[in-house]
């Protein structure tokens, strides 16, 4: 079969009511199995429709300082790779972490390519301070502290940032994060603990009573 090329109108299209109905009848795994077994482009287009916004958001959070166009490019690269690697999807496997693993790897590849750029993170893409737990972190409400929070998240090492983003911004479970990153479950928990600890340390001056 010829290499899949995701046309912009497919990649950016919103789900129609008819697609909503068809998609509602077939779960992610059923669609992914159709793609795996026969290269079903129509089934894959439904998966693109379902996950396009999530992957673009993931790319924007993982690539601080980049614009929406670059995030769109990374997401599209992930979808093309997912189709090319469709044979590696195992029947009975959960599709979301499988797709996220491909997207995370694309983000990390892009990060390595842009590692010397100055970075910032959009405030609108950050979690509410309460994700750090119930405590003085919730006092981070001033413009100055929000800007510092953005910088602190952007300054996290990518291996820590990815688990933080997947857990607090994409709401993946620990098991799903492990599958998406290829890390052992214990390592996921350790990285998340370290990410939170580094953020608290970076924000210490704002957390004083």
N, C-alpha and C. Protein backbone atom coordinates (compact mmCIF):
# COMPACT_ATOMS: atom_id res chain seq x y z
N UNK A 1 0.85 -1.19 0.00
CA UNK A 1 0.00 0.00 0.00
C UNK A 1 0.89 1.24 0.00
N UNK A 2 0.45 2.26 -0.73
CA UNK A 2 1.21 3.50 -0.80
C UNK A 2 1.27 4.15 0.56
N UNK A 3 2.33 4.93 0.76
CA UNK A 3 2.50 5.63 2.04
C UNK A 3 1.33 6.59 2.27
N UNK A 4 0.83 6.58 3.49
CA UNK A 4 -0.29 7.46 3.84
C UNK A 4 0.18 8.91 3.91
N UNK A 5 -0.57 9.79 3.32
CA UNK A 5 -0.34 11.22 3.45
C UNK A 5 -1.62 11.83 3.99
N UNK A 6 -1.54 12.42 5.17
CA UNK A 6 -2.72 13.02 5.77
C UNK A 6 -2.98 14.36 5.13
N UNK A 7 -4.05 14.48 4.41
CA UNK A 7 -4.38 15.74 3.76
C UNK A 7 -4.78 16.75 4.83
N UNK A 8 -4.39 18.02 4.65
CA UNK A 8 -4.71 19.05 5.66
C UNK A 8 -6.19 19.12 5.99
N UNK A 9 -7.06 18.94 4.98
CA UNK A 9 -8.49 19.05 5.25
C UNK A 9 -8.99 17.91 6.12
N UNK A 10 -8.33 16.75 6.05
CA UNK A 10 -8.68 15.64 6.92
C UNK A 10 -8.13 15.89 8.32
N UNK A 11 -6.88 16.34 8.39
CA UNK A 11 -6.22 16.53 9.67
C UNK A 11 -6.88 17.61 10.51
N UNK A 12 -7.36 18.66 9.83
CA UNK A 12 -7.93 19.79 10.57
C UNK A 12 -9.45 19.77 10.64
N UNK A 13 -10.07 18.79 9.99
CA UNK A 13 -11.53 18.78 9.93
C UNK A 13 -12.13 18.51 11.29
N UNK A 14 -13.26 19.14 11.55
CA UNK A 14 -14.02 18.85 12.76
C UNK A 14 -14.92 17.65 12.51
N UNK A 15 -15.24 16.94 13.57
CA UNK A 15 -16.07 15.77 13.44
C UNK A 15 -17.50 16.16 13.10
N UNK A 16 -18.04 15.56 12.06
CA UNK A 16 -19.43 15.81 11.69
C UNK A 16 -20.34 14.96 12.55
N UNK A 17 -21.65 15.25 12.53
CA UNK A 17 -22.58 14.46 13.32
C UNK A 17 -22.58 13.01 12.85
N UNK A 18 -22.41 12.81 11.53
CA UNK A 18 -22.36 11.45 11.01
C UNK A 18 -21.12 10.72 11.52
N UNK A 19 -19.97 11.43 11.56
CA UNK A 19 -18.76 10.82 12.08
C UNK A 19 -18.89 10.54 13.56
N UNK A 20 -19.56 11.46 14.29
CA UNK A 20 -19.80 11.21 15.71
C UNK A 20 -20.55 9.91 15.91
N UNK A 21 -21.57 9.68 15.08
CA UNK A 21 -22.38 8.48 15.20
C UNK A 21 -21.56 7.24 14.87
N UNK A 22 -20.80 7.32 13.76
CA UNK A 22 -20.00 6.16 13.37
C UNK A 22 -18.91 5.88 14.39
N UNK A 23 -18.28 6.97 14.88
CA UNK A 23 -17.24 6.79 15.86
C UNK A 23 -17.76 6.25 17.17
N UNK A 24 -18.97 6.65 17.51
CA UNK A 24 -19.55 6.18 18.76
C UNK A 24 -19.84 4.69 18.76
N UNK A 25 -20.01 4.14 17.56
CA UNK A 25 -20.31 2.71 17.44
C UNK A 25 -19.06 1.86 17.48
N UNK A 26 -17.92 2.45 17.23
CA UNK A 26 -16.67 1.70 17.22
C UNK A 26 -15.68 2.34 18.18
N UNK A 27 -15.18 1.55 19.12
CA UNK A 27 -14.21 2.07 20.06
C UNK A 27 -12.86 2.26 19.40
N UNK A 28 -11.95 2.92 20.11
CA UNK A 28 -10.62 3.16 19.58
C UNK A 28 -9.93 1.86 19.16
N UNK A 29 -10.03 0.85 20.02
CA UNK A 29 -9.33 -0.39 19.77
C UNK A 29 -9.88 -1.11 18.55
N UNK A 30 -11.22 -1.05 18.38
CA UNK A 30 -11.82 -1.69 17.21
C UNK A 30 -11.38 -0.99 15.93
N UNK A 31 -11.35 0.34 15.96
CA UNK A 31 -10.88 1.08 14.79
C UNK A 31 -9.41 0.79 14.52
N UNK A 32 -8.61 0.77 15.59
CA UNK A 32 -7.18 0.52 15.42
C UNK A 32 -6.93 -0.88 14.86
N UNK A 33 -7.75 -1.84 15.25
CA UNK A 33 -7.59 -3.19 14.72
C UNK A 33 -7.91 -3.23 13.23
N UNK A 34 -8.92 -2.46 12.80
CA UNK A 34 -9.23 -2.37 11.37
C UNK A 34 -8.07 -1.75 10.61
N UNK A 35 -7.46 -0.74 11.21
CA UNK A 35 -6.31 -0.11 10.57
C UNK A 35 -5.15 -1.09 10.50
N UNK A 36 -4.91 -1.80 11.58
CA UNK A 36 -3.79 -2.75 11.63
C UNK A 36 -3.96 -3.87 10.63
N UNK A 37 -5.16 -4.43 10.59
CA UNK A 37 -5.37 -5.63 9.78
C UNK A 37 -5.50 -5.36 8.28
N UNK A 38 -6.06 -4.19 7.92
CA UNK A 38 -6.32 -3.95 6.50
C UNK A 38 -5.87 -2.57 6.01
N UNK A 39 -5.27 -1.77 6.89
CA UNK A 39 -4.86 -0.44 6.48
C UNK A 39 -6.02 0.48 6.22
N UNK A 40 -7.15 0.24 6.88
CA UNK A 40 -8.38 0.99 6.65
C UNK A 40 -8.17 2.49 6.93
N UNK A 41 -8.09 3.28 5.85
CA UNK A 41 -7.83 4.71 5.99
C UNK A 41 -9.03 5.44 6.59
N UNK A 42 -10.24 4.98 6.27
CA UNK A 42 -11.44 5.62 6.83
C UNK A 42 -11.47 5.47 8.35
N UNK A 43 -11.13 4.28 8.83
CA UNK A 43 -11.08 4.05 10.28
C UNK A 43 -10.00 4.91 10.92
N UNK A 44 -8.87 5.03 10.23
CA UNK A 44 -7.79 5.83 10.78
C UNK A 44 -8.16 7.31 10.81
N UNK A 45 -8.91 7.76 9.81
CA UNK A 45 -9.35 9.15 9.79
C UNK A 45 -10.22 9.47 11.00
N UNK A 46 -11.03 8.51 11.44
CA UNK A 46 -11.84 8.71 12.64
C UNK A 46 -10.94 8.85 13.87
N UNK A 47 -9.89 8.04 13.93
CA UNK A 47 -8.96 8.14 15.05
C UNK A 47 -8.23 9.48 15.03
N UNK A 48 -7.88 9.95 13.84
CA UNK A 48 -7.26 11.27 13.72
C UNK A 48 -8.21 12.34 14.24
N UNK A 49 -9.48 12.24 13.85
CA UNK A 49 -10.48 13.21 14.30
C UNK A 49 -10.59 13.21 15.82
N UNK A 50 -10.56 12.03 16.43
CA UNK A 50 -10.72 11.93 17.88
C UNK A 50 -9.52 12.49 18.64
N UNK A 51 -8.32 12.25 18.11
CA UNK A 51 -7.12 12.53 18.88
C UNK A 51 -6.31 13.73 18.40
N UNK A 52 -6.71 14.32 17.29
CA UNK A 52 -5.93 15.42 16.74
C UNK A 52 -5.75 16.55 17.77
N UNK A 53 -6.85 17.01 18.39
CA UNK A 53 -6.75 18.11 19.35
C UNK A 53 -5.88 17.76 20.54
N UNK A 54 -5.96 16.51 21.00
CA UNK A 54 -5.17 16.10 22.15
C UNK A 54 -3.68 16.08 21.84
N UNK A 55 -3.33 15.60 20.65
CA UNK A 55 -1.92 15.53 20.30
C UNK A 55 -1.34 16.91 20.04
N UNK A 56 -2.12 17.79 19.45
CA UNK A 56 -1.65 19.17 19.25
C UNK A 56 -1.41 19.83 20.60
N UNK A 57 -2.35 19.64 21.54
CA UNK A 57 -2.19 20.22 22.88
C UNK A 57 -0.98 19.63 23.59
N UNK A 58 -0.78 18.33 23.45
CA UNK A 58 0.39 17.68 24.05
C UNK A 58 1.68 18.28 23.49
N UNK A 59 1.72 18.46 22.18
CA UNK A 59 2.92 19.01 21.55
C UNK A 59 3.19 20.43 22.03
N UNK A 60 2.15 21.24 22.17
CA UNK A 60 2.34 22.62 22.62
C UNK A 60 2.87 22.65 24.05
N UNK A 61 2.43 21.72 24.87
CA UNK A 61 2.87 21.69 26.27
C UNK A 61 4.29 21.13 26.39
N UNK A 62 4.61 20.18 25.54
CA UNK A 62 5.93 19.56 25.59
C UNK A 62 6.98 20.39 24.87
N UNK A 63 6.55 21.31 24.01
CA UNK A 63 7.49 22.13 23.24
C UNK A 63 7.28 23.60 23.57
N UNK A 64 7.58 24.01 24.80
CA UNK A 64 7.33 25.39 25.20
C UNK A 64 8.10 26.35 24.32
N UNK A 65 7.45 27.46 24.01
CA UNK A 65 8.08 28.47 23.18
C UNK A 65 7.82 28.29 21.70
N UNK A 66 7.18 27.19 21.32
CA UNK A 66 6.87 26.97 19.91
C UNK A 66 5.43 27.41 19.65
N UNK A 67 5.12 27.66 18.41
CA UNK A 67 3.79 28.10 18.05
C UNK A 67 2.87 26.95 17.69
N UNK A 68 1.63 27.30 17.39
CA UNK A 68 0.64 26.29 17.06
C UNK A 68 0.98 25.55 15.78
N UNK A 69 1.62 26.22 14.85
CA UNK A 69 1.96 25.57 13.58
C UNK A 69 2.95 24.43 13.79
N UNK A 70 3.93 24.64 14.64
CA UNK A 70 4.90 23.58 14.92
C UNK A 70 4.23 22.44 15.67
N UNK A 71 3.33 22.76 16.59
CA UNK A 71 2.60 21.71 17.30
C UNK A 71 1.76 20.89 16.33
N UNK A 72 1.12 21.55 15.38
CA UNK A 72 0.34 20.84 14.36
C UNK A 72 1.24 19.92 13.55
N UNK A 73 2.44 20.40 13.20
CA UNK A 73 3.37 19.58 12.42
C UNK A 73 3.78 18.33 13.19
N UNK A 74 4.08 18.50 14.49
CA UNK A 74 4.49 17.37 15.31
C UNK A 74 3.35 16.35 15.43
N UNK A 75 2.14 16.86 15.64
CA UNK A 75 0.99 15.96 15.75
C UNK A 75 0.78 15.19 14.45
N UNK A 76 0.91 15.87 13.33
CA UNK A 76 0.72 15.19 12.06
C UNK A 76 1.81 14.15 11.82
N UNK A 77 3.05 14.47 12.21
CA UNK A 77 4.13 13.49 12.11
C UNK A 77 3.80 12.26 12.94
N UNK A 78 3.21 12.48 14.12
CA UNK A 78 2.85 11.36 14.99
C UNK A 78 1.78 10.49 14.34
N UNK A 79 0.79 11.12 13.71
CA UNK A 79 -0.26 10.34 13.06
C UNK A 79 0.29 9.55 11.88
N UNK A 80 1.14 10.16 11.08
CA UNK A 80 1.73 9.44 9.96
C UNK A 80 2.54 8.25 10.47
N UNK A 81 3.31 8.47 11.55
CA UNK A 81 4.10 7.39 12.13
C UNK A 81 3.20 6.29 12.68
N UNK A 82 2.06 6.69 13.29
CA UNK A 82 1.13 5.70 13.84
C UNK A 82 0.57 4.82 12.72
N UNK A 83 0.28 5.43 11.59
CA UNK A 83 -0.23 4.62 10.48
C UNK A 83 0.87 3.72 9.93
N UNK A 84 2.07 4.26 9.79
CA UNK A 84 3.18 3.46 9.28
C UNK A 84 3.50 2.29 10.21
N UNK A 85 3.31 2.50 11.52
CA UNK A 85 3.65 1.48 12.51
C UNK A 85 2.42 0.66 12.93
N UNK A 86 1.36 0.73 12.14
CA UNK A 86 0.09 0.09 12.53
C UNK A 86 0.23 -1.40 12.82
N UNK A 87 1.18 -2.06 12.16
CA UNK A 87 1.35 -3.50 12.38
C UNK A 87 1.85 -3.81 13.78
N UNK A 88 2.43 -2.81 14.47
CA UNK A 88 2.95 -3.05 15.82
C UNK A 88 1.87 -2.94 16.88
N UNK A 89 0.68 -2.45 16.50
CA UNK A 89 -0.42 -2.40 17.47
C UNK A 89 -0.94 -3.81 17.69
N UNK A 90 -1.00 -4.23 18.94
CA UNK A 90 -1.40 -5.59 19.27
C UNK A 90 -2.89 -5.64 19.62
N UNK A 91 -3.56 -6.61 19.09
CA UNK A 91 -4.98 -6.78 19.38
C UNK A 91 -5.17 -6.94 20.89
N UNK A 92 -6.12 -6.21 21.45
CA UNK A 92 -6.36 -6.24 22.90
C UNK A 92 -5.60 -5.16 23.64
N UNK A 93 -4.68 -4.47 22.97
CA UNK A 93 -3.91 -3.38 23.58
C UNK A 93 -4.76 -2.12 23.63
N UNK A 94 -4.50 -1.27 24.62
CA UNK A 94 -5.20 0.01 24.72
C UNK A 94 -4.58 0.97 23.71
N UNK A 95 -5.44 1.63 22.93
CA UNK A 95 -4.93 2.44 21.83
C UNK A 95 -4.35 3.78 22.30
N UNK A 96 -4.99 4.42 23.27
CA UNK A 96 -4.56 5.76 23.65
C UNK A 96 -3.10 5.81 24.08
N UNK A 97 -2.64 4.98 25.04
CA UNK A 97 -1.22 5.05 25.41
C UNK A 97 -0.29 4.65 24.27
N UNK A 98 -0.76 3.74 23.38
CA UNK A 98 0.06 3.34 22.23
C UNK A 98 0.30 4.55 21.32
N UNK A 99 -0.76 5.31 21.05
CA UNK A 99 -0.63 6.50 20.21
C UNK A 99 0.17 7.58 20.91
N UNK A 100 -0.05 7.76 22.22
CA UNK A 100 0.68 8.78 22.96
C UNK A 100 2.17 8.47 22.99
N UNK A 101 2.53 7.21 23.02
CA UNK A 101 3.97 6.88 23.03
C UNK A 101 4.63 7.37 21.76
N UNK A 102 3.96 7.21 20.63
CA UNK A 102 4.49 7.70 19.36
C UNK A 102 4.59 9.22 19.40
N UNK A 103 3.54 9.88 19.90
CA UNK A 103 3.52 11.34 19.96
C UNK A 103 4.60 11.86 20.91
N UNK A 104 4.76 11.23 22.05
CA UNK A 104 5.78 11.65 23.02
C UNK A 104 7.17 11.55 22.39
N UNK A 105 7.42 10.45 21.68
CA UNK A 105 8.72 10.29 21.04
C UNK A 105 8.97 11.37 19.99
N UNK A 106 7.92 11.75 19.26
CA UNK A 106 8.07 12.82 18.27
C UNK A 106 8.37 14.15 18.98
N UNK A 107 7.71 14.38 20.11
CA UNK A 107 7.97 15.61 20.87
C UNK A 107 9.40 15.63 21.38
N UNK A 108 9.88 14.50 21.89
CA UNK A 108 11.25 14.45 22.41
C UNK A 108 12.26 14.63 21.28
N UNK A 109 11.97 14.07 20.11
CA UNK A 109 12.84 14.28 18.96
C UNK A 109 12.92 15.77 18.61
N UNK A 110 11.75 16.43 18.61
CA UNK A 110 11.72 17.84 18.27
C UNK A 110 12.43 18.67 19.35
N UNK A 111 12.27 18.26 20.61
CA UNK A 111 12.95 18.98 21.69
C UNK A 111 14.46 18.93 21.53
N UNK A 112 14.96 17.77 21.13
CA UNK A 112 16.40 17.66 20.92
C UNK A 112 16.87 18.60 19.80
N UNK A 113 15.99 18.80 18.82
CA UNK A 113 16.35 19.65 17.69
C UNK A 113 16.30 21.14 18.05
N UNK A 114 15.52 21.50 19.06
CA UNK A 114 15.34 22.92 19.39
C UNK A 114 15.84 23.21 20.80
N UNK A 115 16.69 22.34 21.33
CA UNK A 115 17.07 22.42 22.75
C UNK A 115 17.76 23.72 23.12
N UNK A 116 18.30 24.44 22.16
CA UNK A 116 19.02 25.68 22.50
C UNK A 116 18.14 26.91 22.39
N UNK A 117 16.87 26.72 22.06
CA UNK A 117 15.98 27.88 21.98
C UNK A 117 15.54 28.30 23.38
N UNK A 118 15.36 29.59 23.64
CA UNK A 118 14.75 30.02 24.92
C UNK A 118 13.30 29.57 24.94
N UNK A 119 12.81 29.16 26.11
CA UNK A 119 11.47 28.60 26.18
C UNK A 119 10.60 29.31 27.19
N UNK A 120 9.32 29.31 26.91
CA UNK A 120 8.28 29.75 27.84
C UNK A 120 7.10 28.83 27.67
N UNK A 121 6.21 28.81 28.63
CA UNK A 121 5.01 27.99 28.54
C UNK A 121 3.80 28.89 28.68
N UNK A 122 2.81 28.68 27.82
CA UNK A 122 1.61 29.49 27.89
C UNK A 122 0.86 29.22 29.19
N UNK A 123 0.47 30.29 29.89
CA UNK A 123 -0.26 30.14 31.14
C UNK A 123 -1.54 29.34 30.92
N UNK A 124 -2.19 29.57 29.80
CA UNK A 124 -3.48 28.91 29.55
C UNK A 124 -3.34 27.41 29.45
N UNK A 125 -2.11 26.91 29.19
CA UNK A 125 -1.92 25.48 29.05
C UNK A 125 -1.51 24.81 30.35
N UNK A 126 -1.32 25.61 31.40
CA UNK A 126 -0.87 25.07 32.67
C UNK A 126 -2.05 24.65 33.54
N UNK A 127 -1.82 23.69 34.45
CA UNK A 127 -2.87 23.29 35.37
C UNK A 127 -3.11 24.35 36.43
N UNK A 128 -4.22 24.23 37.10
CA UNK A 128 -4.46 25.10 38.24
C UNK A 128 -3.46 24.75 39.33
N UNK A 129 -3.04 25.69 40.16
CA UNK A 129 -2.05 25.40 41.20
C UNK A 129 -2.44 24.25 42.10
N UNK A 130 -3.72 23.95 42.23
CA UNK A 130 -4.16 22.89 43.14
C UNK A 130 -3.65 21.53 42.73
N UNK A 131 -3.16 21.33 41.48
CA UNK A 131 -2.66 20.02 41.09
C UNK A 131 -1.42 19.65 41.88
N UNK A 132 -0.76 20.62 42.51
CA UNK A 132 0.42 20.33 43.29
C UNK A 132 0.05 19.83 44.68
N UNK A 133 -1.21 19.79 45.00
CA UNK A 133 -1.63 19.36 46.31
C UNK A 133 -2.28 20.49 47.07
N UNK A 134 -2.87 20.18 48.19
CA UNK A 134 -3.51 21.20 49.01
C UNK A 134 -2.46 21.81 49.94
N UNK A 135 -2.15 23.03 49.71
CA UNK A 135 -1.12 23.67 50.52
C UNK A 135 -0.86 25.07 50.04
N UNK A 136 0.30 25.60 50.39
CA UNK A 136 0.60 26.99 50.06
C UNK A 136 0.71 27.24 48.56
N UNK A 137 0.86 26.16 47.74
CA UNK A 137 0.94 26.34 46.30
C UNK A 137 -0.30 27.07 45.77
N UNK A 138 -1.40 26.90 46.46
CA UNK A 138 -2.64 27.52 46.00
C UNK A 138 -2.59 29.04 46.12
N UNK A 139 -1.54 29.57 46.75
CA UNK A 139 -1.41 31.02 46.85
C UNK A 139 -0.84 31.62 45.57
N UNK A 140 -0.48 30.75 44.61
CA UNK A 140 0.11 31.24 43.37
C UNK A 140 -0.98 31.85 42.48
N UNK A 141 -1.34 33.07 42.80
CA UNK A 141 -2.45 33.67 42.06
C UNK A 141 -2.07 35.01 41.42
N UNK A 142 -0.90 35.54 41.74
CA UNK A 142 -0.52 36.82 41.17
C UNK A 142 0.06 36.63 39.78
N UNK A 143 0.08 37.68 38.99
CA UNK A 143 0.65 37.60 37.66
C UNK A 143 2.12 37.20 37.70
N UNK A 144 2.82 37.74 38.68
CA UNK A 144 4.24 37.42 38.80
C UNK A 144 4.45 35.94 39.07
N UNK A 145 3.67 35.38 39.98
CA UNK A 145 3.83 33.97 40.33
C UNK A 145 3.42 33.07 39.18
N UNK A 146 2.41 33.48 38.40
CA UNK A 146 2.00 32.69 37.26
C UNK A 146 3.10 32.64 36.21
N UNK A 147 3.77 33.78 36.01
CA UNK A 147 4.88 33.81 35.07
C UNK A 147 6.02 32.90 35.54
N UNK A 148 6.25 32.92 36.85
CA UNK A 148 7.32 32.06 37.41
C UNK A 148 6.95 30.59 37.28
N UNK A 149 5.69 30.29 37.46
CA UNK A 149 5.22 28.92 37.30
C UNK A 149 5.45 28.44 35.87
N UNK A 150 5.17 29.30 34.91
CA UNK A 150 5.39 28.97 33.51
C UNK A 150 6.85 28.64 33.27
N UNK A 151 7.73 29.47 33.79
CA UNK A 151 9.16 29.26 33.61
C UNK A 151 9.62 27.98 34.29
N UNK A 152 9.05 27.70 35.46
CA UNK A 152 9.46 26.51 36.21
C UNK A 152 9.08 25.23 35.47
N UNK A 153 7.89 25.19 34.91
CA UNK A 153 7.47 24.01 34.15
C UNK A 153 8.33 23.85 32.91
N UNK A 154 8.61 24.98 32.22
CA UNK A 154 9.43 24.93 31.02
C UNK A 154 10.84 24.47 31.33
N UNK A 155 11.32 24.75 32.55
CA UNK A 155 12.69 24.41 32.93
C UNK A 155 12.85 22.96 33.36
N UNK A 156 11.76 22.25 33.57
CA UNK A 156 11.87 20.84 33.94
C UNK A 156 12.57 20.06 32.84
N UNK A 157 13.35 19.09 33.23
CA UNK A 157 13.96 18.19 32.24
C UNK A 157 12.82 17.50 31.48
N UNK A 158 12.98 17.30 30.17
CA UNK A 158 11.90 16.69 29.39
C UNK A 158 11.35 15.39 29.96
N UNK A 159 12.20 14.56 30.56
CA UNK A 159 11.71 13.29 31.10
C UNK A 159 10.80 13.51 32.30
N UNK A 160 11.00 14.63 33.02
CA UNK A 160 10.11 14.97 34.13
C UNK A 160 8.89 15.72 33.61
N UNK A 161 9.11 16.61 32.66
CA UNK A 161 8.00 17.39 32.12
C UNK A 161 6.96 16.49 31.47
N UNK A 162 7.42 15.44 30.77
CA UNK A 162 6.46 14.61 30.05
C UNK A 162 5.52 13.88 31.01
N UNK A 163 6.03 13.37 32.13
CA UNK A 163 5.13 12.67 33.05
C UNK A 163 4.21 13.66 33.75
N UNK A 164 4.72 14.87 34.03
CA UNK A 164 3.90 15.89 34.65
C UNK A 164 2.76 16.30 33.72
N UNK A 165 3.10 16.53 32.45
CA UNK A 165 2.09 16.93 31.47
C UNK A 165 1.06 15.82 31.27
N UNK A 166 1.51 14.59 31.10
CA UNK A 166 0.57 13.50 30.85
C UNK A 166 -0.34 13.25 32.04
N UNK A 167 0.21 13.43 33.25
CA UNK A 167 -0.60 13.17 34.44
C UNK A 167 -1.56 14.32 34.73
N UNK A 168 -1.07 15.55 34.76
CA UNK A 168 -1.88 16.66 35.24
C UNK A 168 -2.61 17.42 34.14
N UNK A 169 -2.14 17.33 32.91
CA UNK A 169 -2.79 18.06 31.84
C UNK A 169 -3.58 17.15 30.90
N UNK A 170 -3.12 15.91 30.74
CA UNK A 170 -3.86 14.97 29.89
C UNK A 170 -4.61 13.92 30.69
N UNK A 171 -4.39 13.90 32.00
CA UNK A 171 -5.15 13.04 32.91
C UNK A 171 -4.97 11.56 32.62
N UNK A 172 -3.77 11.16 32.19
CA UNK A 172 -3.50 9.75 32.00
C UNK A 172 -3.23 9.10 33.36
N UNK A 173 -3.58 7.84 33.47
CA UNK A 173 -3.29 7.10 34.69
C UNK A 173 -1.79 6.78 34.71
N UNK A 174 -1.30 6.33 35.86
CA UNK A 174 0.11 5.95 35.96
C UNK A 174 0.43 4.84 34.97
N UNK A 175 -0.46 3.85 34.87
CA UNK A 175 -0.23 2.75 33.94
C UNK A 175 -0.19 3.24 32.50
N UNK A 176 -1.08 4.17 32.15
CA UNK A 176 -1.09 4.71 30.79
C UNK A 176 0.16 5.53 30.50
N UNK A 177 0.64 6.26 31.51
CA UNK A 177 1.88 7.02 31.34
C UNK A 177 3.04 6.07 31.12
N UNK A 178 3.07 4.98 31.88
CA UNK A 178 4.14 3.99 31.70
C UNK A 178 4.12 3.43 30.29
N UNK A 179 2.92 3.13 29.78
CA UNK A 179 2.81 2.61 28.42
C UNK A 179 3.18 3.66 27.39
N UNK A 180 2.81 4.91 27.64
CA UNK A 180 3.06 5.99 26.69
C UNK A 180 4.53 6.39 26.61
N UNK A 181 5.24 6.24 27.72
CA UNK A 181 6.64 6.65 27.76
C UNK A 181 7.62 5.49 27.68
N UNK A 182 7.11 4.26 27.89
CA UNK A 182 8.00 3.11 27.91
C UNK A 182 8.78 2.97 29.19
N UNK A 183 8.37 3.73 30.22
CA UNK A 183 9.06 3.69 31.50
C UNK A 183 8.39 2.70 32.45
N UNK A 184 9.16 2.09 33.35
CA UNK A 184 8.54 1.26 34.38
C UNK A 184 7.62 2.11 35.26
N UNK A 185 6.61 1.47 35.82
CA UNK A 185 5.64 2.19 36.64
C UNK A 185 6.32 2.92 37.79
N UNK A 186 7.27 2.28 38.43
CA UNK A 186 7.98 2.91 39.54
C UNK A 186 8.75 4.15 39.11
N UNK A 187 9.31 4.10 37.90
CA UNK A 187 10.05 5.25 37.38
C UNK A 187 9.10 6.41 37.09
N UNK A 188 7.91 6.09 36.58
CA UNK A 188 6.91 7.13 36.33
C UNK A 188 6.60 7.86 37.63
N UNK A 189 6.36 7.12 38.69
CA UNK A 189 6.02 7.73 39.97
C UNK A 189 7.20 8.55 40.51
N UNK A 190 8.41 8.03 40.32
CA UNK A 190 9.60 8.76 40.78
C UNK A 190 9.77 10.06 40.01
N UNK A 191 9.60 10.00 38.69
CA UNK A 191 9.73 11.22 37.88
C UNK A 191 8.67 12.24 38.25
N UNK A 192 7.45 11.78 38.50
CA UNK A 192 6.39 12.71 38.87
C UNK A 192 6.69 13.35 40.22
N UNK A 193 7.18 12.56 41.16
CA UNK A 193 7.55 13.10 42.47
C UNK A 193 8.65 14.14 42.32
N UNK A 194 9.66 13.85 41.51
CA UNK A 194 10.76 14.79 41.30
C UNK A 194 10.29 16.06 40.60
N UNK A 195 9.38 15.92 39.63
CA UNK A 195 8.86 17.10 38.93
C UNK A 195 8.15 18.02 39.91
N UNK A 196 7.31 17.45 40.76
CA UNK A 196 6.60 18.27 41.74
C UNK A 196 7.58 18.92 42.73
N UNK A 197 8.59 18.13 43.15
CA UNK A 197 9.57 18.66 44.10
C UNK A 197 10.36 19.81 43.48
N UNK A 198 10.76 19.66 42.23
CA UNK A 198 11.52 20.72 41.57
C UNK A 198 10.67 21.98 41.38
N UNK A 199 9.40 21.78 41.10
CA UNK A 199 8.52 22.94 40.95
C UNK A 199 8.36 23.66 42.28
N UNK A 200 8.20 22.91 43.35
CA UNK A 200 8.08 23.54 44.67
C UNK A 200 9.36 24.31 45.03
N UNK A 201 10.52 23.72 44.71
CA UNK A 201 11.78 24.37 45.01
C UNK A 201 11.93 25.66 44.18
N UNK A 202 11.58 25.57 42.90
CA UNK A 202 11.69 26.73 42.03
C UNK A 202 10.74 27.85 42.46
N UNK A 203 9.64 27.46 43.08
CA UNK A 203 8.62 28.44 43.46
C UNK A 203 8.65 28.76 44.95
N UNK A 204 9.73 28.36 45.62
CA UNK A 204 9.78 28.46 47.08
C UNK A 204 9.51 29.87 47.58
N UNK A 205 10.05 30.88 46.88
CA UNK A 205 9.88 32.25 47.37
C UNK A 205 8.43 32.70 47.32
N UNK A 206 7.63 32.05 46.46
CA UNK A 206 6.22 32.42 46.36
C UNK A 206 5.35 31.59 47.31
N UNK A 207 5.95 30.53 47.89
CA UNK A 207 5.19 29.64 48.75
C UNK A 207 5.38 29.95 50.22
N UNK A 208 6.14 31.01 50.54
CA UNK A 208 6.34 31.37 51.93
C UNK A 208 5.03 31.89 52.52
N UNK A 209 4.76 31.52 53.77
CA UNK A 209 3.53 32.02 54.41
C UNK A 209 3.51 33.54 54.42
